[in-house]
Amino acid sequence: MPSPALPRILIEPLVRTALLEDIGRAGDLTTDAIVPVGHRATTLVVARQQGTVAGLDLARLAFQLIDPAIEMHIAHDDGATVQPGDVIATLSGPARGILTAERVALNFLCRLSGIATATASVVAAVRDYKARIVCTRKTTPGLRTIEKYAVRVGGGSNHRFGLDDAVLIKDNHVAIAGSVTEALRRAKNSVGHLVKIELEVDTLDQLREALDQGVDAVLLDNMSPDMLREAVAMVGDRAVTEASGRITPATAPSVASTGVDLISIGWLTHSVGVLDIGLDFKSTASA
């Protein structure tokens, strides 16, 4: 199920920043020179590719911040699957405002829909298994909240939002601490009782040591399906198991078949393509 709409207080600063970047110091020189004040238009937000829609609240806000008189009527909500040619939404109102906000609105909508579409493809690939697809912190700086929202819209789940959510002990932390045991000891002595601790391991010996010390979750990094299967059996019900390491829709089923609880994928947010969505003018009229 799609996630509820993001609160306006979270998305407005992002949209305002993007609009200010685009408008610059003098406004939309092209539109202001060509489009008369008071000219009205009806436009269609149209899918050019098949995919999952995400980001309509940000698109709507971009238009409304430029001109509150612009109305947006949504035909396909976030989470909907659209086909090429489907009308996602209809815009009506002052033509100047629609043209000025168009690129910012589409940038958000195309980017987030691309993430949701990619997530949905991996979720579908593992639908016969218990594994959930989760994202990472490999997000566009400043856009983590909305990119992780898009992952949820695509049917995935979120890993930690930041360094302050949970403890994730990685190989460099272990190297500095001197051992898995010492790294876990320091973490347990430092954080509160409600903070979860996860440890990244790439060998079964590290996993065994972690389980002996007690850990909430283990990140099984770059393991083969056979090794993952052995690791899952070793863990049993003592910790949450998470697999990672360049996993694609093609390889995800074999990873999920090992019985892991989570599959984390960084490319969902760091290098996914956009979903092609355009704005087509349906009609225009003078005031």
C-alpha atoms as a PDB file:
ATOM      1  CA  MET A   1       0.000   0.000   0.000  1.00  0.00           C
ATOM      2  CA  PRO A   2       1.253   3.538  -0.737  1.00  0.00           C
ATOM      3  CA  SER A   3       2.430   5.591   2.206  1.00  0.00           C
ATOM      4  CA  PRO A   4       0.349   8.561   3.377  1.00  0.00           C
ATOM      5  CA  ALA A   5       1.190  11.926   1.875  1.00  0.00           C
ATOM      6  CA  LEU A   6       4.301  13.586   3.260  1.00  0.00           C
ATOM      7  CA  PRO A   7       3.521  16.447   5.658  1.00  0.00           C
ATOM      8  CA  ARG A   8       3.785  19.848   3.990  1.00  0.00           C
ATOM      9  CA  ILE A   9       6.203  21.049   6.670  1.00  0.00           C
ATOM     10  CA  LEU A  10       8.730  18.469   5.417  1.00  0.00           C
ATOM     11  CA  ILE A  11       8.432  19.104   1.698  1.00  0.00           C
ATOM     12  CA  GLU A  12       7.865  22.862   1.458  1.00  0.00           C
ATOM     13  CA  PRO A  13      11.496  23.830   2.213  1.00  0.00           C
ATOM     14  CA  LEU A  14      12.672  21.460  -0.536  1.00  0.00           C
ATOM     15  CA  VAL A  15      10.226  22.794  -3.094  1.00  0.00           C
ATOM     16  CA  ARG A  16      10.909  26.429  -2.191  1.00  0.00           C
ATOM     17  CA  THR A  17      14.655  25.884  -2.527  1.00  0.00           C
ATOM     18  CA  ALA A  18      14.223  24.267  -5.934  1.00  0.00           C
ATOM     19  CA  LEU A  19      11.959  27.062  -7.180  1.00  0.00           C
ATOM     20  CA  LEU A  20      14.311  29.767  -5.934  1.00  0.00           C
ATOM     21  CA  GLU A  21      17.209  28.040  -7.686  1.00  0.00           C
ATOM     22  CA  ASP A  22      15.256  28.029 -10.960  1.00  0.00           C
ATOM     23  CA  ILE A  23      13.740  31.510 -10.760  1.00  0.00           C
ATOM     24  CA  GLY A  24      17.035  33.116  -9.804  1.00  0.00           C
ATOM     25  CA  ARG A  25      17.240  36.896  -9.472  1.00  0.00           C
ATOM     26  CA  ALA A  26      14.923  38.040 -12.249  1.00  0.00           C
ATOM     27  CA  GLY A  27      12.205  35.422 -12.583  1.00  0.00           C
ATOM     28  CA  ASP A  28      11.142  33.489 -15.672  1.00  0.00           C
ATOM     29  CA  LEU A  29      12.385  35.791 -18.438  1.00  0.00           C
ATOM     30  CA  THR A  30      11.064  33.625 -21.274  1.00  0.00           C
ATOM     31  CA  THR A  31       7.538  33.142 -19.966  1.00  0.00           C
ATOM     32  CA  ASP A  32       7.174  36.725 -18.754  1.00  0.00           C
ATOM     33  CA  ALA A  33       8.192  38.011 -22.197  1.00  0.00           C
ATOM     34  CA  ILE A  34       5.911  35.760 -24.224  1.00  0.00           C
ATOM     35  CA  VAL A  35       2.823  34.862 -22.155  1.00  0.00           C
ATOM     36  CA  PRO A  36       0.372  37.679 -21.417  1.00  0.00           C
ATOM     37  CA  VAL A  37      -0.701  38.325 -17.854  1.00  0.00           C
ATOM     38  CA  GLY A  38      -4.073  36.700 -17.288  1.00  0.00           C
ATOM     39  CA  HIS A  39      -3.659  34.074 -19.986  1.00  0.00           C
ATOM     40  CA  ARG A  40      -5.075  30.757 -18.770  1.00  0.00           C
ATOM     41  CA  ALA A  41      -4.306  27.192 -19.755  1.00  0.00           C
ATOM     42  CA  THR A  42      -5.314  23.604 -19.173  1.00  0.00           C
ATOM     43  CA  THR A  43      -2.465  21.114 -19.266  1.00  0.00           C
ATOM     44  CA  LEU A  44      -2.080  17.373 -18.819  1.00  0.00           C
ATOM     45  CA  VAL A  45       0.622  15.600 -16.819  1.00  0.00           C
ATOM     46  CA  VAL A  46       1.210  12.537 -18.988  1.00  0.00           C
ATOM     47  CA  ALA A  47       3.227   9.340 -18.474  1.00  0.00           C
ATOM     48  CA  ARG A  48       5.638   8.519 -21.299  1.00  0.00           C
ATOM     49  CA  GLN A  49       6.676   5.196 -19.761  1.00  0.00           C
ATOM     50  CA  GLN A  50       5.138   2.440 -17.684  1.00  0.00           C
ATOM     51  CA  GLY A  51       5.883   2.876 -14.016  1.00  0.00           C
ATOM     52  CA  THR A  52       4.810   3.724 -10.491  1.00  0.00           C
ATOM     53  CA  VAL A  53       3.835   7.294  -9.655  1.00  0.00           C
ATOM     54  CA  ALA A  54       5.403   9.106  -6.690  1.00  0.00           C
ATOM     55  CA  GLY A  55       5.868  12.765  -5.813  1.00  0.00           C
ATOM     56  CA  LEU A  56       2.547  14.347  -6.727  1.00  0.00           C
ATOM     57  CA  ASP A  57       2.391  16.349  -3.501  1.00  0.00           C
ATOM     58  CA  LEU A  58       5.691  18.018  -4.349  1.00  0.00           C
ATOM     59  CA  ALA A  59       4.604  18.717  -7.913  1.00  0.00           C
ATOM     60  CA  ARG A  60       1.325  20.222  -6.740  1.00  0.00           C
ATOM     61  CA  LEU A  61       3.120  22.383  -4.184  1.00  0.00           C
ATOM     62  CA  ALA A  62       5.544  23.699  -6.819  1.00  0.00           C
ATOM     63  CA  PHE A  63       2.656  25.016  -8.900  1.00  0.00           C
ATOM     64  CA  GLN A  64       0.764  26.412  -5.906  1.00  0.00           C
ATOM     65  CA  LEU A  65       3.785  28.246  -4.504  1.00  0.00           C
ATOM     66  CA  ILE A  66       4.244  30.005  -7.845  1.00  0.00           C
ATOM     67  CA  ASP A  67       0.531  30.783  -8.202  1.00  0.00           C
ATOM     68  CA  PRO A  68      -2.143  29.636  -5.711  1.00  0.00           C
ATOM     69  CA  ALA A  69      -4.738  29.967  -8.475  1.00  0.00           C
ATOM     70  CA  ILE A  70      -3.365  26.899 -10.261  1.00  0.00           C
ATOM     71  CA  GLU A  71      -5.539  23.839  -9.638  1.00  0.00           C
ATOM     72  CA  MET A  72      -4.274  20.279  -9.931  1.00  0.00           C
ATOM     73  CA  HIS A  73      -6.742  17.417 -10.315  1.00  0.00           C
ATOM     74  CA  ILE A  74      -5.088  14.025  -9.823  1.00  0.00           C
ATOM     75  CA  ALA A  75      -6.235  11.016 -11.837  1.00  0.00           C
ATOM     76  CA  HIS A  76      -3.577   8.540 -10.602  1.00  0.00           C
ATOM     77  CA  ASP A  77      -2.369   8.875  -7.008  1.00  0.00           C
ATOM     78  CA  ASP A  78       1.088   8.064  -5.681  1.00  0.00           C
ATOM     79  CA  GLY A  79       1.522   4.304  -5.822  1.00  0.00           C
ATOM     80  CA  ALA A  80      -0.547   3.866  -8.970  1.00  0.00           C
ATOM     81  CA  THR A  81       0.876   2.004 -11.956  1.00  0.00           C
ATOM     82  CA  VAL A  82       0.592   3.986 -15.179  1.00  0.00           C
ATOM     83  CA  GLN A  83       1.070   3.143 -18.841  1.00  0.00           C
ATOM     84  CA  PRO A  84       2.462   5.342 -21.635  1.00  0.00           C
ATOM     85  CA  GLY A  85      -0.156   7.961 -22.508  1.00  0.00           C
ATOM     86  CA  ASP A  86      -1.988   7.808 -19.187  1.00  0.00           C
ATOM     87  CA  VAL A  87      -3.008  11.198 -17.817  1.00  0.00           C
ATOM     88  CA  ILE A  88      -1.671  11.378 -14.273  1.00  0.00           C
ATOM     89  CA  ALA A  89      -3.136  14.798 -13.471  1.00  0.00           C
ATOM     90  CA  THR A  90      -4.746  17.835 -15.049  1.00  0.00           C
ATOM     91  CA  LEU A  91      -3.633  21.398 -14.327  1.00  0.00           C
ATOM     92  CA  SER A  92      -5.715  24.494 -14.916  1.00  0.00           C
ATOM     93  CA  GLY A  93      -5.047  28.135 -14.157  1.00  0.00           C
ATOM     94  CA  PRO A  94      -2.722  30.992 -15.070  1.00  0.00           C
ATOM     95  CA  ALA A  95      -0.445  29.890 -17.914  1.00  0.00           C
ATOM     96  CA  ARG A  96       2.502  31.915 -16.627  1.00  0.00           C
ATOM     97  CA  GLY A  97       2.537  30.075 -13.317  1.00  0.00           C
ATOM     98  CA  ILE A  98       2.164  26.663 -14.942  1.00  0.00           C
ATOM     99  CA  LEU A  99       5.126  27.264 -17.258  1.00  0.00           C
ATOM    100  CA  THR A 100       7.325  28.740 -14.542  1.00  0.00           C
ATOM    101  CA  ALA A 101       6.783  25.842 -12.113  1.00  0.00           C
ATOM    102  CA  GLU A 102       6.746  23.111 -14.758  1.00  0.00           C
ATOM    103  CA  ARG A 103      10.379  21.988 -14.612  1.00  0.00           C
ATOM    104  CA  VAL A 104      10.685  21.923 -10.842  1.00  0.00           C
ATOM    105  CA  ALA A 105       7.410  20.020 -10.529  1.00  0.00           C
ATOM    106  CA  LEU A 106       8.468  17.474 -13.140  1.00  0.00           C
ATOM    107  CA  ASN A 107      11.962  17.115 -11.682  1.00  0.00           C
ATOM    108  CA  PHE A 108      10.492  15.977  -8.382  1.00  0.00           C
ATOM    109  CA  LEU A 109       7.791  13.845  -9.989  1.00  0.00           C
ATOM    110  CA  CYS A 110      10.076  12.098 -12.492  1.00  0.00           C
ATOM    111  CA  ARG A 111      12.837  11.455  -9.961  1.00  0.00           C
ATOM    112  CA  LEU A 112      10.594  10.040  -7.244  1.00  0.00           C
ATOM    113  CA  SER A 113       8.525   8.032  -9.719  1.00  0.00           C
ATOM    114  CA  GLY A 114      11.764   6.522 -11.031  1.00  0.00           C
ATOM    115  CA  ILE A 115      12.706   5.405  -7.521  1.00  0.00           C
ATOM    116  CA  ALA A 116       9.232   4.004  -6.861  1.00  0.00           C
ATOM    117  CA  THR A 117       9.242   2.174 -10.197  1.00  0.00           C
ATOM    118  CA  ALA A 118      12.647   0.614  -9.594  1.00  0.00           C
ATOM    119  CA  THR A 119      11.653  -0.415  -6.082  1.00  0.00           C
ATOM    120  CA  ALA A 120       8.433  -1.985  -7.333  1.00  0.00           C
ATOM    121  CA  SER A 121      10.393  -4.054  -9.858  1.00  0.00           C
ATOM    122  CA  VAL A 122      12.576  -5.604  -7.153  1.00  0.00           C
ATOM    123  CA  VAL A 123       9.643  -6.076  -4.773  1.00  0.00           C
ATOM    124  CA  ALA A 124       7.829  -7.971  -7.535  1.00  0.00           C
ATOM    125  CA  ALA A 125      10.914 -10.117  -8.159  1.00  0.00           C
ATOM    126  CA  VAL A 126      10.912 -11.405  -4.548  1.00  0.00           C
ATOM    127  CA  ARG A 127       7.154 -11.583  -3.997  1.00  0.00           C
ATOM    128  CA  ASP A 128       7.303 -15.363  -3.396  1.00  0.00           C
ATOM    129  CA  TYR A 129       9.678 -14.933  -0.455  1.00  0.00           C
ATOM    130  CA  LYS A 130       9.550 -13.259   2.956  1.00  0.00           C
ATOM    131  CA  ALA A 131      12.404 -10.843   2.275  1.00  0.00           C
ATOM    132  CA  ARG A 132      11.606  -7.132   2.320  1.00  0.00           C
ATOM    133  CA  ILE A 133      13.409  -4.692   0.050  1.00  0.00           C
ATOM    134  CA  VAL A 134      15.028  -1.790   1.918  1.00  0.00           C
ATOM    135  CA  CYS A 135      16.925   1.306   0.826  1.00  0.00           C
ATOM    136  CA  THR A 136      20.142   2.767   2.246  1.00  0.00           C
ATOM    137  CA  ARG A 137      21.669   6.145   3.134  1.00  0.00           C
ATOM    138  CA  LYS A 138      23.022   6.460  -0.417  1.00  0.00           C
ATOM    139  CA  THR A 139      20.594   9.245  -1.231  1.00  0.00           C
ATOM    140  CA  THR A 140      20.803  12.623  -2.951  1.00  0.00           C
ATOM    141  CA  PRO A 141      22.042  15.140  -0.340  1.00  0.00           C
ATOM    142  CA  GLY A 142      19.075  17.070   1.000  1.00  0.00           C
ATOM    143  CA  LEU A 143      16.469  14.783  -0.569  1.00  0.00           C
ATOM    144  CA  ARG A 144      16.685  11.736   1.704  1.00  0.00           C
ATOM    145  CA  THR A 145      13.227  12.161   3.227  1.00  0.00           C
ATOM    146  CA  ILE A 146      11.409  12.220  -0.097  1.00  0.00           C
ATOM    147  CA  GLU A 147      13.577   9.581  -1.761  1.00  0.00           C
ATOM    148  CA  LYS A 148      12.919   7.190   1.091  1.00  0.00           C
ATOM    149  CA  TYR A 149       9.235   8.074   0.774  1.00  0.00           C
ATOM    150  CA  ALA A 150       9.392   7.019  -2.884  1.00  0.00           C
ATOM    151  CA  VAL A 151      10.869   3.669  -1.842  1.00  0.00           C
ATOM    152  CA  ARG A 152       7.869   3.113   0.427  1.00  0.00           C
ATOM    153  CA  VAL A 153       5.494   4.076  -2.369  1.00  0.00           C
ATOM    154  CA  GLY A 154       7.144   1.401  -4.521  1.00  0.00           C
ATOM    155  CA  GLY A 155       6.434  -1.236  -1.892  1.00  0.00           C
ATOM    156  CA  GLY A 156       9.826  -1.209  -0.189  1.00  0.00           C
ATOM    157  CA  SER A 157      10.803  -0.394   3.372  1.00  0.00           C
ATOM    158  CA  ASN A 158      13.256   2.082   4.853  1.00  0.00           C
ATOM    159  CA  HIS A 159      16.557   1.335   6.534  1.00  0.00           C
ATOM    160  CA  ARG A 160      17.781   3.937   9.021  1.00  0.00           C
ATOM    161  CA  PHE A 161      17.230   7.566   8.016  1.00  0.00           C
ATOM    162  CA  GLY A 162      20.516   8.800   9.442  1.00  0.00           C
ATOM    163  CA  LEU A 163      23.432   8.091  11.710  1.00  0.00           C
ATOM    164  CA  ASP A 164      21.307   8.843  14.761  1.00  0.00           C
ATOM    165  CA  ASP A 165      18.636   6.184  14.092  1.00  0.00           C
ATOM    166  CA  ALA A 166      20.580   3.083  15.034  1.00  0.00           C
ATOM    167  CA  VAL A 167      24.060   1.628  15.385  1.00  0.00           C
ATOM    168  CA  LEU A 168      25.470  -0.017  12.261  1.00  0.00           C
ATOM    169  CA  ILE A 169      28.987  -1.311  12.899  1.00  0.00           C
ATOM    170  CA  LYS A 170      30.870  -1.674   9.611  1.00  0.00           C
ATOM    171  CA  ASP A 171      34.272  -3.113   8.736  1.00  0.00           C
ATOM    172  CA  ASN A 172      36.147   0.130   9.418  1.00  0.00           C
ATOM    173  CA  HIS A 173      34.602   0.388  12.880  1.00  0.00           C
ATOM    174  CA  VAL A 174      35.690  -3.183  13.631  1.00  0.00           C
ATOM    175  CA  ALA A 175      39.186  -2.450  12.335  1.00  0.00           C
ATOM    176  CA  ILE A 176      39.547   0.520  14.679  1.00  0.00           C
ATOM    177  CA  ALA A 177      38.054  -1.334  17.663  1.00  0.00           C
ATOM    178  CA  GLY A 178      40.313  -4.327  17.040  1.00  0.00           C
ATOM    179  CA  SER A 179      37.650  -7.024  16.928  1.00  0.00           C
ATOM    180  CA  VAL A 180      33.938  -7.691  16.498  1.00  0.00           C
ATOM    181  CA  THR A 181      33.657  -8.389  20.226  1.00  0.00           C
ATOM    182  CA  GLU A 182      35.273  -5.097  21.238  1.00  0.00           C
ATOM    183  CA  ALA A 183      33.223  -3.088  18.728  1.00  0.00           C
ATOM    184  CA  LEU A 184      29.992  -4.587  20.063  1.00  0.00           C
ATOM    185  CA  ARG A 185      31.065  -4.028  23.668  1.00  0.00           C
ATOM    186  CA  ARG A 186      31.751  -0.340  23.021  1.00  0.00           C
ATOM    187  CA  ALA A 187      28.450   0.107  21.213  1.00  0.00           C
ATOM    188  CA  LYS A 188      26.404  -1.558  23.937  1.00  0.00           C
ATOM    189  CA  ASN A 189      28.092   0.536  26.623  1.00  0.00           C
ATOM    190  CA  SER A 190      27.462   3.758  24.732  1.00  0.00           C
ATOM    191  CA  VAL A 191      23.876   3.745  23.445  1.00  0.00           C
ATOM    192  CA  GLY A 192      20.518   3.592  25.163  1.00  0.00           C
ATOM    193  CA  HIS A 193      18.478   0.448  25.632  1.00  0.00           C
ATOM    194  CA  LEU A 194      16.050   1.372  22.822  1.00  0.00           C
ATOM    195  CA  VAL A 195      18.764   1.720  20.176  1.00  0.00           C
ATOM    196  CA  LYS A 196      19.182  -1.281  17.881  1.00  0.00           C
ATOM    197  CA  ILE A 197      22.667  -2.541  17.028  1.00  0.00           C
ATOM    198  CA  GLU A 198      23.487  -4.083  13.650  1.00  0.00           C
ATOM    199  CA  LEU A 199      26.855  -5.491  12.601  1.00  0.00           C
ATOM    200  CA  GLU A 200      28.192  -5.904   9.072  1.00  0.00           C
ATOM    201  CA  VAL A 201      29.967  -9.224   8.497  1.00  0.00           C
ATOM    202  CA  ASP A 202      31.556 -10.792   5.452  1.00  0.00           C
ATOM    203  CA  THR A 203      32.700 -14.105   6.939  1.00  0.00           C
ATOM    204  CA  LEU A 204      30.970 -16.815   8.915  1.00  0.00           C
ATOM    205  CA  ASP A 205      33.618 -16.541  11.636  1.00  0.00           C
ATOM    206  CA  GLN A 206      32.667 -12.871  12.180  1.00  0.00           C
ATOM    207  CA  LEU A 207      29.013 -13.887  12.237  1.00  0.00           C
ATOM    208  CA  ARG A 208      29.651 -16.562  14.841  1.00  0.00           C
ATOM    209  CA  GLU A 209      31.511 -14.086  17.036  1.00  0.00           C
ATOM    210  CA  ALA A 210      28.708 -11.535  16.710  1.00  0.00           C
ATOM    211  CA  LEU A 211      26.056 -14.053  17.676  1.00  0.00           C
ATOM    212  CA  ASP A 212      28.066 -15.119  20.708  1.00  0.00           C
ATOM    213  CA  GLN A 213      28.130 -11.482  21.880  1.00  0.00           C
ATOM    214  CA  GLY A 214      24.491 -10.766  21.046  1.00  0.00           C
ATOM    215  CA  VAL A 215      23.374  -8.413  18.298  1.00  0.00           C
ATOM    216  CA  ASP A 216      20.004  -7.221  17.010  1.00  0.00           C
ATOM    217  CA  ALA A 217      20.721  -7.551  13.294  1.00  0.00           C
ATOM    218  CA  VAL A 218      23.498  -8.723  10.996  1.00  0.00           C
ATOM    219  CA  LEU A 219      24.334  -7.258   7.595  1.00  0.00           C
ATOM    220  CA  LEU A 220      25.576 -10.127   5.424  1.00  0.00           C
ATOM    221  CA  ASP A 221      27.693  -8.293   2.892  1.00  0.00           C
ATOM    222  CA  ASN A 222      28.566  -9.619  -0.570  1.00  0.00           C
ATOM    223  CA  MET A 223      27.900 -13.249   0.306  1.00  0.00           C
ATOM    224  CA  SER A 224      27.021 -15.879  -2.287  1.00  0.00           C
ATOM    225  CA  PRO A 225      23.559 -17.498  -2.055  1.00  0.00           C
ATOM    226  CA  ASP A 226      25.125 -20.667  -0.624  1.00  0.00           C
ATOM    227  CA  MET A 227      26.988 -18.699   2.021  1.00  0.00           C
ATOM    228  CA  LEU A 228      23.879 -16.648   2.796  1.00  0.00           C
ATOM    229  CA  ARG A 229      21.895 -19.846   3.284  1.00  0.00           C
ATOM    230  CA  GLU A 230      24.488 -21.115   5.734  1.00  0.00           C
ATOM    231  CA  ALA A 231      24.521 -17.776   7.544  1.00  0.00           C
ATOM    232  CA  VAL A 232      20.730 -17.696   7.873  1.00  0.00           C
ATOM    233  CA  ALA A 233      20.751 -21.204   9.312  1.00  0.00           C
ATOM    234  CA  MET A 234      23.463 -20.194  11.786  1.00  0.00           C
ATOM    235  CA  VAL A 235      21.497 -17.133  12.923  1.00  0.00           C
ATOM    236  CA  GLY A 236      18.171 -18.911  13.340  1.00  0.00           C
ATOM    237  CA  ASP A 237      15.885 -16.571  15.262  1.00  0.00           C
ATOM    238  CA  ARG A 238      18.652 -14.800  17.187  1.00  0.00           C
ATOM    239  CA  ALA A 239      18.888 -11.736  14.935  1.00  0.00           C
ATOM    240  CA  VAL A 240      17.428 -10.052  11.868  1.00  0.00           C
ATOM    241  CA  THR A 241      19.329 -10.977   8.713  1.00  0.00           C
ATOM    242  CA  GLU A 242      20.032  -8.456   5.957  1.00  0.00           C
ATOM    243  CA  ALA A 243      21.749  -9.193   2.637  1.00  0.00           C
ATOM    244  CA  SER A 244      23.536  -6.550   0.586  1.00  0.00           C
ATOM    245  CA  GLY A 245      25.985  -6.229  -2.277  1.00  0.00           C
ATOM    246  CA  ARG A 246      25.072  -5.146  -5.820  1.00  0.00           C
ATOM    247  CA  ILE A 247      21.726  -6.937  -5.856  1.00  0.00           C
ATOM    248  CA  THR A 248      19.541  -6.473  -8.952  1.00  0.00           C
ATOM    249  CA  PRO A 249      16.018  -7.573  -9.934  1.00  0.00           C
ATOM    250  CA  ALA A 250      17.653 -10.517 -11.718  1.00  0.00           C
ATOM    251  CA  THR A 251      19.668 -11.689  -8.702  1.00  0.00           C
ATOM    252  CA  ALA A 252      17.222 -10.727  -5.948  1.00  0.00           C
ATOM    253  CA  PRO A 253      15.151 -13.956  -6.130  1.00  0.00           C
ATOM    254  CA  SER A 254      18.183 -16.168  -5.499  1.00  0.00           C
ATOM    255  CA  VAL A 255      19.159 -13.960  -2.556  1.00  0.00           C
ATOM    256  CA  ALA A 256      15.620 -13.983  -1.164  1.00  0.00           C
ATOM    257  CA  SER A 257      15.417 -17.770  -1.502  1.00  0.00           C
ATOM    258  CA  THR A 258      18.113 -18.102   1.175  1.00  0.00           C
ATOM    259  CA  GLY A 259      15.641 -16.987   3.824  1.00  0.00           C
ATOM    260  CA  VAL A 260      17.090 -13.554   4.657  1.00  0.00           C
ATOM    261  CA  ASP A 261      14.710 -11.076   6.257  1.00  0.00           C
ATOM    262  CA  LEU A 262      15.888  -7.980   4.363  1.00  0.00           C
ATOM    263  CA  ILE A 263      17.629  -7.132   1.102  1.00  0.00           C
ATOM    264  CA  SER A 264      19.225  -3.677   1.051  1.00  0.00           C
ATOM    265  CA  ILE A 265      19.864  -1.979  -2.290  1.00  0.00           C
ATOM    266  CA  GLY A 266      21.729   1.309  -2.640  1.00  0.00           C
ATOM    267  CA  TRP A 267      21.117   1.921  -6.343  1.00  0.00           C
ATOM    268  CA  LEU A 268      17.389   2.426  -5.716  1.00  0.00           C
ATOM    269  CA  THR A 269      18.267   5.963  -4.651  1.00  0.00           C
ATOM    270  CA  HIS A 270      21.829   6.676  -5.759  1.00  0.00           C
ATOM    271  CA  SER A 271      21.713   5.866  -9.477  1.00  0.00           C
ATOM    272  CA  VAL A 272      18.205   4.998 -10.574  1.00  0.00           C
ATOM    273  CA  GLY A 273      16.795   6.531 -13.760  1.00  0.00           C
ATOM    274  CA  VAL A 274      13.831   8.881 -13.834  1.00  0.00           C
ATOM    275  CA  LEU A 275      10.375   7.927 -15.054  1.00  0.00           C
ATOM    276  CA  ASP A 276       9.626   9.930 -18.200  1.00  0.00           C
ATOM    277  CA  ILE A 277       6.648  12.191 -17.478  1.00  0.00           C
ATOM    278  CA  GLY A 278       5.729  15.255 -19.512  1.00  0.00           C
ATOM    279  CA  LEU A 279       3.398  18.238 -19.513  1.00  0.00           C
ATOM    280  CA  ASP A 280       1.122  18.654 -22.555  1.00  0.00           C
ATOM    281  CA  PHE A 281      -0.956  21.760 -23.164  1.00  0.00           C
ATOM    282  CA  LYS A 282      -4.582  20.907 -23.845  1.00  0.00           C
ATOM    283  CA  SER A 283      -6.036  24.374 -24.289  1.00  0.00           C
ATOM    284  CA  THR A 284      -5.223  28.038 -23.716  1.00  0.00           C
ATOM    285  CA  ALA A 285      -7.350  31.155 -23.489  1.00  0.00           C
ATOM    286  CA  SER A 286      -6.913  34.868 -22.893  1.00  0.00           C
ATOM    287  CA  ALA A 287      -8.396  36.425 -19.804  1.00  0.00           C
END
